[in-house]
N, C-alpha and C. Protein backbone atom coordinates (compact mmCIF):
# COMPACT_ATOMS: atom_id res chain seq x y z
N MET A 1 -82.90 -11.87 47.59
CA MET A 1 -83.00 -10.72 47.14
C MET A 1 -82.18 -10.73 46.04
N LYS A 2 -80.86 -11.67 46.55
CA LYS A 2 -79.72 -11.75 45.03
C LYS A 2 -79.85 -12.89 44.14
N THR A 3 -80.72 -13.96 44.80
CA THR A 3 -81.12 -15.04 43.92
C THR A 3 -82.27 -14.72 43.09
N ARG A 4 -83.04 -13.96 43.45
CA ARG A 4 -84.49 -13.56 42.34
C ARG A 4 -84.11 -12.35 41.27
N MET A 5 -82.71 -11.58 42.02
CA MET A 5 -82.70 -10.88 40.57
C MET A 5 -81.28 -11.90 39.79
N LEU A 6 -80.91 -12.78 40.22
CA LEU A 6 -80.14 -13.73 39.39
C LEU A 6 -80.74 -14.53 38.38
N VAL A 7 -82.07 -14.67 38.78
CA VAL A 7 -82.61 -15.64 38.16
C VAL A 7 -83.73 -14.98 37.08
N SER A 8 -84.01 -13.43 37.19
CA SER A 8 -84.40 -12.32 36.41
C SER A 8 -83.22 -12.19 35.65
N ALA A 9 -82.26 -12.11 36.00
CA ALA A 9 -81.29 -11.54 35.15
C ALA A 9 -81.08 -13.15 33.97
N SER A 10 -81.16 -14.15 34.62
CA SER A 10 -81.15 -15.10 33.46
C SER A 10 -82.02 -14.97 32.61
N ALA A 11 -83.33 -14.77 32.93
CA ALA A 11 -84.15 -14.71 32.64
C ALA A 11 -84.54 -14.41 31.36
N ALA A 12 -84.05 -12.68 31.62
CA ALA A 12 -83.45 -11.49 30.91
C ALA A 12 -82.45 -12.16 29.36
N GLY A 13 -81.60 -12.84 29.92
CA GLY A 13 -80.72 -13.32 29.00
C GLY A 13 -81.09 -14.33 27.55
N LEU A 14 -82.03 -14.72 28.47
CA LEU A 14 -82.54 -16.70 27.57
C LEU A 14 -83.44 -15.85 26.85
N ALA A 15 -84.22 -14.88 27.38
CA ALA A 15 -85.53 -14.28 26.09
C ALA A 15 -84.52 -13.43 25.11
N LEU A 16 -83.39 -12.68 25.66
CA LEU A 16 -82.67 -11.82 24.54
C LEU A 16 -82.24 -13.03 23.56
N ALA A 17 -81.07 -14.13 24.08
CA ALA A 17 -81.03 -15.18 22.85
C ALA A 17 -81.85 -15.71 22.26
N LEU A 18 -83.42 -15.84 22.54
CA LEU A 18 -84.56 -16.52 21.63
C LEU A 18 -84.79 -15.54 21.08
N VAL A 19 -84.61 -14.40 21.13
CA VAL A 19 -85.00 -13.49 19.83
C VAL A 19 -84.02 -13.42 18.69
N SER A 20 -82.61 -13.26 19.34
CA SER A 20 -81.57 -12.91 18.48
C SER A 20 -81.46 -14.72 17.80
N CYS A 21 -81.81 -15.62 18.33
CA CYS A 21 -82.10 -16.95 17.44
C CYS A 21 -83.18 -16.69 16.63
N ALA A 22 -84.47 -15.95 16.74
CA ALA A 22 -85.44 -16.28 15.90
C ALA A 22 -85.06 -15.48 14.68
N GLN A 23 -84.11 -14.66 14.61
CA GLN A 23 -84.02 -13.61 13.72
C GLN A 23 -82.93 -14.07 12.57
N MET A 24 -82.54 -15.02 12.82
CA MET A 24 -81.16 -15.80 12.25
C MET A 24 -81.52 -17.20 12.22
N GLU A 25 -82.01 -18.07 10.60
CA GLU A 25 -82.11 -19.22 10.63
C GLU A 25 -80.51 -20.11 10.68
N ARG A 26 -80.83 -21.33 11.66
CA ARG A 26 -79.63 -21.88 11.64
C ARG A 26 -79.83 -23.30 11.45
N THR A 27 -80.06 -23.62 10.11
CA THR A 27 -80.12 -25.31 9.73
C THR A 27 -79.12 -25.80 9.36
N MET A 28 -78.88 -26.75 9.63
CA MET A 28 -77.84 -27.77 9.14
C MET A 28 -78.52 -28.49 7.60
N GLY A 29 -77.75 -28.24 6.92
CA GLY A 29 -77.78 -28.68 5.70
C GLY A 29 -78.77 -28.16 5.00
N GLY A 30 -78.74 -27.94 3.46
CA GLY A 30 -79.74 -27.38 2.80
C GLY A 30 -80.85 -28.59 2.14
N PRO A 31 -81.28 -27.98 1.03
CA PRO A 31 -81.62 -26.88 0.95
C PRO A 31 -82.02 -25.71 1.46
N TYR A 32 -81.79 -24.36 1.48
CA TYR A 32 -82.17 -23.08 2.13
C TYR A 32 -83.38 -21.96 1.43
N THR A 33 -84.11 -22.08 2.52
CA THR A 33 -85.43 -21.13 1.66
C THR A 33 -85.23 -20.05 2.31
N VAL A 34 -85.34 -18.47 1.21
CA VAL A 34 -85.35 -17.56 1.73
C VAL A 34 -86.90 -16.58 1.34
N THR A 35 -87.88 -16.27 2.31
CA THR A 35 -89.18 -15.86 1.78
C THR A 35 -89.02 -14.03 2.02
N VAL A 36 -89.05 -13.34 0.50
CA VAL A 36 -88.82 -12.25 0.64
C VAL A 36 -90.56 -11.91 0.20
N THR A 37 -90.96 -10.92 1.15
CA THR A 37 -92.16 -10.33 1.40
C THR A 37 -92.40 -8.96 1.01
N VAL A 38 -93.24 -8.23 0.11
CA VAL A 38 -92.49 -7.30 -0.39
C VAL A 38 -94.51 -6.35 -0.42
N SER A 39 -94.57 -5.43 0.28
CA SER A 39 -96.14 -4.42 0.31
C SER A 39 -95.80 -3.11 -0.76
N GLY A 40 -94.41 -3.11 -0.97
CA GLY A 40 -94.81 -1.43 -1.78
C GLY A 40 -93.62 -1.70 -1.92
N CYS A 41 -92.48 -0.34 -2.98
CA CYS A 41 -91.50 -0.21 -3.42
C CYS A 41 -90.53 0.59 -2.27
N ASN A 42 -90.39 0.40 -1.45
CA ASN A 42 -89.78 1.17 -0.42
C ASN A 42 -88.75 -0.21 0.53
N PRO A 43 -87.97 0.10 0.40
CA PRO A 43 -86.77 -0.95 1.51
C PRO A 43 -87.35 -1.11 2.77
N SER A 44 -88.22 -0.19 3.21
CA SER A 44 -88.94 -0.21 4.74
C SER A 44 -90.35 -1.42 4.39
N GLN A 45 -90.49 -1.53 3.00
CA GLN A 45 -91.93 -2.05 2.92
C GLN A 45 -91.15 -3.95 2.31
N VAL A 46 -89.95 -4.24 2.85
CA VAL A 46 -89.55 -6.06 2.46
C VAL A 46 -89.17 -6.16 3.38
N THR A 47 -89.78 -7.64 3.70
CA THR A 47 -89.04 -8.10 4.97
C THR A 47 -88.47 -9.65 4.24
N VAL A 48 -87.56 -9.76 4.89
CA VAL A 48 -86.67 -10.58 4.24
C VAL A 48 -86.48 -11.95 5.49
N ASN A 49 -87.22 -13.37 5.44
CA ASN A 49 -87.35 -14.08 6.25
C ASN A 49 -86.70 -15.57 6.14
N PRO A 50 -85.03 -15.74 6.73
CA PRO A 50 -84.35 -15.18 7.50
C PRO A 50 -83.74 -13.75 7.28
N ASP A 51 -83.61 -12.65 7.67
CA ASP A 51 -82.77 -11.62 7.16
C ASP A 51 -81.40 -11.86 7.42
N SER A 52 -81.06 -12.51 8.51
CA SER A 52 -79.57 -13.49 8.08
C SER A 52 -79.77 -14.79 8.33
N LEU A 53 -79.40 -15.60 7.15
CA LEU A 53 -79.22 -16.90 6.76
C LEU A 53 -77.99 -17.62 7.64
N TYR A 54 -77.53 -18.49 8.01
CA TYR A 54 -76.62 -19.14 8.55
C TYR A 54 -76.41 -20.71 7.70
N VAL A 55 -75.51 -21.38 6.84
CA VAL A 55 -74.89 -21.78 6.02
C VAL A 55 -73.99 -22.34 6.79
N SER A 56 -73.93 -23.87 6.74
CA SER A 56 -73.32 -24.83 7.65
C SER A 56 -72.50 -25.27 6.37
N ALA A 57 -71.04 -25.40 6.81
CA ALA A 57 -70.04 -25.98 5.65
C ALA A 57 -70.65 -27.61 5.37
N SER A 58 -70.42 -27.84 4.26
CA SER A 58 -70.93 -29.26 3.71
C SER A 58 -69.74 -29.59 2.49
N SER A 59 -69.98 -30.87 2.19
CA SER A 59 -69.00 -31.45 1.41
C SER A 59 -69.68 -31.65 -0.05
N SER A 60 -71.08 -30.76 0.10
CA SER A 60 -71.26 -30.78 -1.17
C SER A 60 -72.20 -29.61 -1.15
N PRO A 61 -71.99 -28.81 -2.73
CA PRO A 61 -72.82 -27.56 -2.54
C PRO A 61 -74.48 -27.34 -1.76
N GLN A 62 -74.42 -26.35 -1.22
CA GLN A 62 -75.87 -26.02 -0.89
C GLN A 62 -76.65 -24.97 -1.49
N THR A 63 -78.05 -25.43 -2.21
CA THR A 63 -79.13 -24.76 -2.75
C THR A 63 -79.55 -23.38 -1.55
N ILE A 64 -79.42 -22.16 -2.21
CA ILE A 64 -80.16 -21.31 -1.39
C ILE A 64 -81.42 -20.71 -2.61
N GLN A 65 -82.46 -20.80 -2.04
CA GLN A 65 -83.67 -20.60 -3.21
C GLN A 65 -84.34 -19.35 -2.27
N TRP A 66 -84.24 -18.00 -3.46
CA TRP A 66 -85.19 -17.00 -2.56
C TRP A 66 -86.50 -16.60 -3.21
N THR A 67 -87.77 -16.79 -2.61
CA THR A 67 -88.94 -16.74 -3.18
C THR A 67 -89.55 -15.31 -2.66
N ILE A 68 -90.46 -14.76 -3.64
CA ILE A 68 -91.26 -13.67 -3.58
C ILE A 68 -92.98 -13.47 -3.95
N ASN A 69 -93.57 -12.92 -3.10
CA ASN A 69 -94.74 -12.83 -2.98
C ASN A 69 -95.11 -12.97 -4.58
N ALA A 70 -96.88 -12.86 -4.91
CA ALA A 70 -97.30 -12.19 -6.17
C ALA A 70 -97.18 -11.12 -6.20
N GLY A 71 -97.35 -10.34 -7.69
CA GLY A 71 -96.97 -9.01 -7.68
C GLY A 71 -95.56 -8.52 -8.01
N TYR A 72 -94.91 -9.21 -7.46
CA TYR A 72 -93.03 -8.87 -7.92
C TYR A 72 -92.59 -9.61 -8.37
N ASP A 73 -91.37 -9.59 -8.68
CA ASP A 73 -90.42 -10.90 -9.40
C ASP A 73 -88.99 -10.23 -9.12
N PHE A 74 -87.57 -11.13 -9.34
CA PHE A 74 -86.57 -11.23 -9.51
C PHE A 74 -86.18 -10.67 -11.07
N PRO A 75 -84.93 -10.02 -11.26
CA PRO A 75 -84.33 -9.88 -12.66
C PRO A 75 -84.21 -11.33 -12.95
N SER A 76 -83.70 -11.74 -13.99
CA SER A 76 -83.42 -13.35 -14.94
C SER A 76 -82.01 -12.81 -14.09
N ALA A 77 -81.07 -12.22 -14.10
CA ALA A 77 -79.31 -11.93 -13.80
C ALA A 77 -79.44 -11.19 -12.51
N ASN A 78 -78.47 -11.07 -12.05
CA ASN A 78 -78.28 -10.34 -10.78
C ASN A 78 -78.99 -9.79 -9.65
N ALA A 79 -80.15 -11.15 -9.24
CA ALA A 79 -80.81 -10.59 -8.67
C ALA A 79 -80.42 -10.27 -7.11
N ILE A 80 -79.65 -11.10 -7.05
CA ILE A 80 -78.58 -11.47 -5.70
C ILE A 80 -77.08 -11.21 -6.14
N THR A 81 -76.97 -9.88 -5.45
CA THR A 81 -75.43 -9.64 -5.65
C THR A 81 -74.72 -9.29 -4.30
N PHE A 82 -73.57 -9.91 -4.20
CA PHE A 82 -72.66 -9.32 -2.88
C PHE A 82 -72.61 -8.32 -3.31
N LYS A 83 -71.97 -7.93 -1.76
CA LYS A 83 -71.13 -6.60 -1.18
C LYS A 83 -70.49 -6.06 -0.15
N GLY A 84 -69.64 -5.08 0.23
CA GLY A 84 -68.74 -5.51 1.03
C GLY A 84 -69.62 -4.80 2.52
N PRO A 85 -68.69 -4.76 3.19
CA PRO A 85 -66.93 -4.65 3.66
C PRO A 85 -66.35 -5.90 3.49
N GLN A 86 -67.12 -7.03 3.73
CA GLN A 86 -66.60 -8.40 3.28
C GLN A 86 -67.16 -9.19 2.48
N LEU A 87 -66.61 -9.62 1.01
CA LEU A 87 -66.47 -10.61 0.14
C LEU A 87 -66.63 -11.67 -0.28
N PRO A 88 -67.41 -12.74 -0.25
CA PRO A 88 -67.38 -13.81 -0.13
C PRO A 88 -65.84 -14.37 -1.16
N PRO A 89 -65.39 -15.58 -1.20
CA PRO A 89 -64.13 -15.73 -1.76
C PRO A 89 -64.29 -16.05 -3.07
N ASP A 90 -63.73 -16.40 -4.32
CA ASP A 90 -64.26 -16.27 -5.66
C ASP A 90 -64.83 -18.24 -5.45
N GLY A 91 -65.78 -18.13 -6.33
CA GLY A 91 -66.19 -19.10 -6.04
C GLY A 91 -66.78 -20.21 -5.36
N VAL A 92 -67.46 -19.63 -3.88
CA VAL A 92 -68.12 -19.56 -2.97
C VAL A 92 -69.64 -19.70 -3.53
N PHE A 93 -69.77 -18.86 -3.71
CA PHE A 93 -71.26 -18.27 -4.87
C PHE A 93 -71.37 -18.71 -5.94
N SER A 94 -72.25 -19.90 -6.79
CA SER A 94 -72.59 -19.53 -8.00
C SER A 94 -73.26 -18.52 -8.19
N PRO A 95 -73.08 -18.12 -9.64
CA PRO A 95 -74.05 -16.33 -10.04
C PRO A 95 -75.38 -16.50 -10.22
N GLY A 96 -75.91 -17.70 -9.85
CA GLY A 96 -77.79 -17.65 -9.48
C GLY A 96 -78.28 -18.04 -10.80
N ASN A 97 -79.51 -18.23 -10.73
CA ASN A 97 -80.81 -18.50 -12.07
C ASN A 97 -81.87 -18.28 -11.44
N LYS A 98 -82.42 -18.26 -12.39
CA LYS A 98 -84.24 -18.10 -12.10
C LYS A 98 -85.20 -19.25 -12.22
N PRO A 99 -85.23 -20.55 -11.40
CA PRO A 99 -85.68 -21.63 -11.84
C PRO A 99 -87.44 -21.45 -12.11
N THR A 100 -87.92 -20.46 -11.71
CA THR A 100 -89.08 -20.05 -11.70
C THR A 100 -89.45 -19.12 -11.58
N ASN A 101 -90.69 -18.48 -11.94
CA ASN A 101 -91.36 -17.10 -11.87
C ASN A 101 -91.06 -16.95 -10.17
N ARG A 102 -91.05 -16.08 -10.16
CA ARG A 102 -90.89 -15.39 -8.54
C ARG A 102 -90.03 -15.95 -7.69
N ALA A 103 -88.88 -17.00 -8.29
CA ALA A 103 -87.84 -17.61 -7.38
C ALA A 103 -86.65 -17.09 -8.03
N PHE A 104 -85.53 -17.30 -7.16
CA PHE A 104 -84.17 -17.08 -7.54
C PHE A 104 -83.33 -17.87 -6.86
N ALA A 105 -82.66 -18.60 -7.07
CA ALA A 105 -81.28 -19.79 -6.51
C ALA A 105 -80.05 -19.33 -7.11
N MET A 106 -78.96 -19.88 -6.12
CA MET A 106 -77.79 -19.69 -6.41
C MET A 106 -77.03 -20.64 -5.32
N THR A 107 -76.02 -21.22 -5.91
CA THR A 107 -75.34 -22.29 -4.80
C THR A 107 -74.30 -22.14 -4.09
N ASP A 108 -74.38 -22.29 -2.92
CA ASP A 108 -73.24 -21.95 -1.77
C ASP A 108 -72.24 -22.85 -1.57
N ASN A 109 -71.22 -22.92 -1.70
CA ASN A 109 -70.11 -24.03 -2.21
C ASN A 109 -69.28 -23.76 -0.40
N HIS A 110 -69.86 -23.88 0.49
CA HIS A 110 -69.53 -23.32 1.39
C HIS A 110 -68.73 -24.77 2.15
N ARG A 111 -67.53 -24.69 2.29
CA ARG A 111 -66.71 -26.18 2.40
C ARG A 111 -66.02 -26.46 3.92
N GLY A 112 -65.53 -24.92 4.47
CA GLY A 112 -65.10 -25.04 5.60
C GLY A 112 -64.58 -23.68 5.92
N PRO A 113 -63.10 -23.89 6.64
CA PRO A 113 -62.99 -22.36 7.38
C PRO A 113 -62.54 -21.36 6.22
N GLY A 114 -62.04 -21.76 4.91
CA GLY A 114 -61.67 -20.96 3.99
C GLY A 114 -62.70 -19.69 3.23
N SER A 115 -64.01 -20.54 3.70
CA SER A 115 -65.50 -20.01 2.81
C SER A 115 -66.14 -19.45 4.24
N ASN A 116 -65.63 -19.41 5.60
CA ASN A 116 -66.86 -18.77 6.73
C ASN A 116 -66.86 -17.20 6.62
N GLY A 117 -67.36 -16.86 6.84
CA GLY A 117 -67.96 -15.41 6.82
C GLY A 117 -69.04 -14.38 6.76
N LYS A 118 -69.61 -13.57 7.16
CA LYS A 118 -70.41 -12.99 7.16
C LYS A 118 -70.77 -12.04 5.67
N PHE A 119 -71.84 -12.32 4.86
CA PHE A 119 -71.61 -12.09 3.59
C PHE A 119 -72.85 -11.18 3.41
N HIS A 120 -72.94 -9.70 3.17
CA HIS A 120 -74.10 -8.83 2.94
C HIS A 120 -74.17 -8.71 1.42
N TYR A 121 -75.65 -9.00 1.20
CA TYR A 121 -75.63 -9.07 0.17
C TYR A 121 -76.86 -7.81 -0.57
N ARG A 122 -77.59 -7.96 -1.61
CA ARG A 122 -78.54 -6.92 -2.05
C ARG A 122 -79.59 -7.76 -3.30
N ILE A 123 -80.36 -7.76 -2.38
CA ILE A 123 -81.53 -8.36 -3.59
C ILE A 123 -82.37 -7.17 -4.23
N THR A 124 -82.44 -7.73 -5.73
CA THR A 124 -83.05 -6.52 -6.48
C THR A 124 -84.24 -6.98 -7.09
N ILE A 125 -85.15 -6.28 -6.58
CA ILE A 125 -86.89 -6.50 -6.90
C ILE A 125 -87.35 -5.83 -7.78
N LEU A 126 -88.04 -6.37 -8.35
CA LEU A 126 -89.02 -5.86 -9.70
C LEU A 126 -90.64 -5.80 -9.38
N LYS A 127 -91.16 -4.82 -10.05
CA LYS A 127 -92.90 -4.73 -9.95
C LYS A 127 -93.09 -6.48 -11.15
N ALA A 128 -94.21 -6.94 -11.31
CA ALA A 128 -94.89 -7.98 -11.87
C ALA A 128 -94.08 -7.99 -13.06
N ASP A 129 -94.36 -6.28 -13.74
CA ASP A 129 -94.90 -5.85 -15.38
C ASP A 129 -92.86 -5.77 -15.68
N GLY A 130 -91.92 -6.06 -14.46
CA GLY A 130 -90.51 -5.84 -14.95
C GLY A 130 -89.99 -4.40 -14.37
N THR A 131 -90.95 -3.50 -14.23
CA THR A 131 -90.04 -2.44 -13.72
C THR A 131 -89.59 -2.52 -12.63
N SER A 132 -88.80 -1.55 -12.53
CA SER A 132 -87.92 -1.69 -11.10
C SER A 132 -88.80 -1.15 -10.24
N CYS A 133 -88.24 -1.67 -8.96
CA CYS A 133 -89.00 -1.68 -7.92
C CYS A 133 -88.21 -1.27 -6.42
N THR A 134 -87.80 -1.95 -6.08
CA THR A 134 -86.39 -1.48 -4.68
C THR A 134 -85.48 -2.55 -4.27
N ILE A 135 -84.25 -2.09 -3.53
CA ILE A 135 -83.33 -3.33 -3.39
C ILE A 135 -83.55 -3.33 -1.83
N LYS A 136 -82.75 -4.87 -1.15
CA LYS A 136 -82.77 -4.83 0.29
C LYS A 136 -81.73 -5.51 0.23
N ASP A 137 -81.07 -5.27 1.62
CA ASP A 137 -79.86 -5.53 2.01
C ASP A 137 -79.61 -6.72 3.37
N PRO A 138 -80.28 -7.77 3.08
CA PRO A 138 -79.70 -8.67 4.37
C PRO A 138 -78.28 -8.97 4.16
N ASP A 139 -78.01 -10.82 4.89
CA ASP A 139 -76.94 -11.61 4.95
C ASP A 139 -76.46 -12.66 4.86
N VAL A 140 -75.84 -13.33 4.46
CA VAL A 140 -75.81 -15.41 4.53
C VAL A 140 -74.59 -14.92 5.43
N MET A 141 -74.14 -16.56 6.46
CA MET A 141 -73.03 -16.17 7.37
C MET A 141 -73.04 -17.72 7.18
N ASN A 142 -72.22 -17.71 6.72
CA ASN A 142 -71.49 -19.21 6.22
C ASN A 142 -70.57 -19.29 7.66
N GLY A 143 -70.85 -20.36 8.34
CA GLY A 143 -69.92 -20.41 9.57
C GLY A 143 -69.75 -21.97 9.61
């Protein structure tokens, strides 16, 4: 009986670990892509995949690019803005740019422990006609 319970507990722990990993993309090296799927102008109608993005330290800057589905867009500036409680150190993230329609990119200059942290950010979403839609608040984890 004890062995069976131990195996069941281990299986439950493994399942929980797999679910947790599925929610955080842990990729070694960039570029990194974050997919924003919008079905309406309410934060609950926006999914971000991955919701938490893990960025490994690198000797060269890493590009993060957010893409969004048809019918929605990002503003040309400040589509991605960082917010507290922990803000990234100055110079870790570039201001960002809009390389194409329905995409926004920025550079993560994560080089080591000095830029480690979990940084919450806000995505500003517009309707395709340029009018305001909503915001969403996921995070980037430098580690």
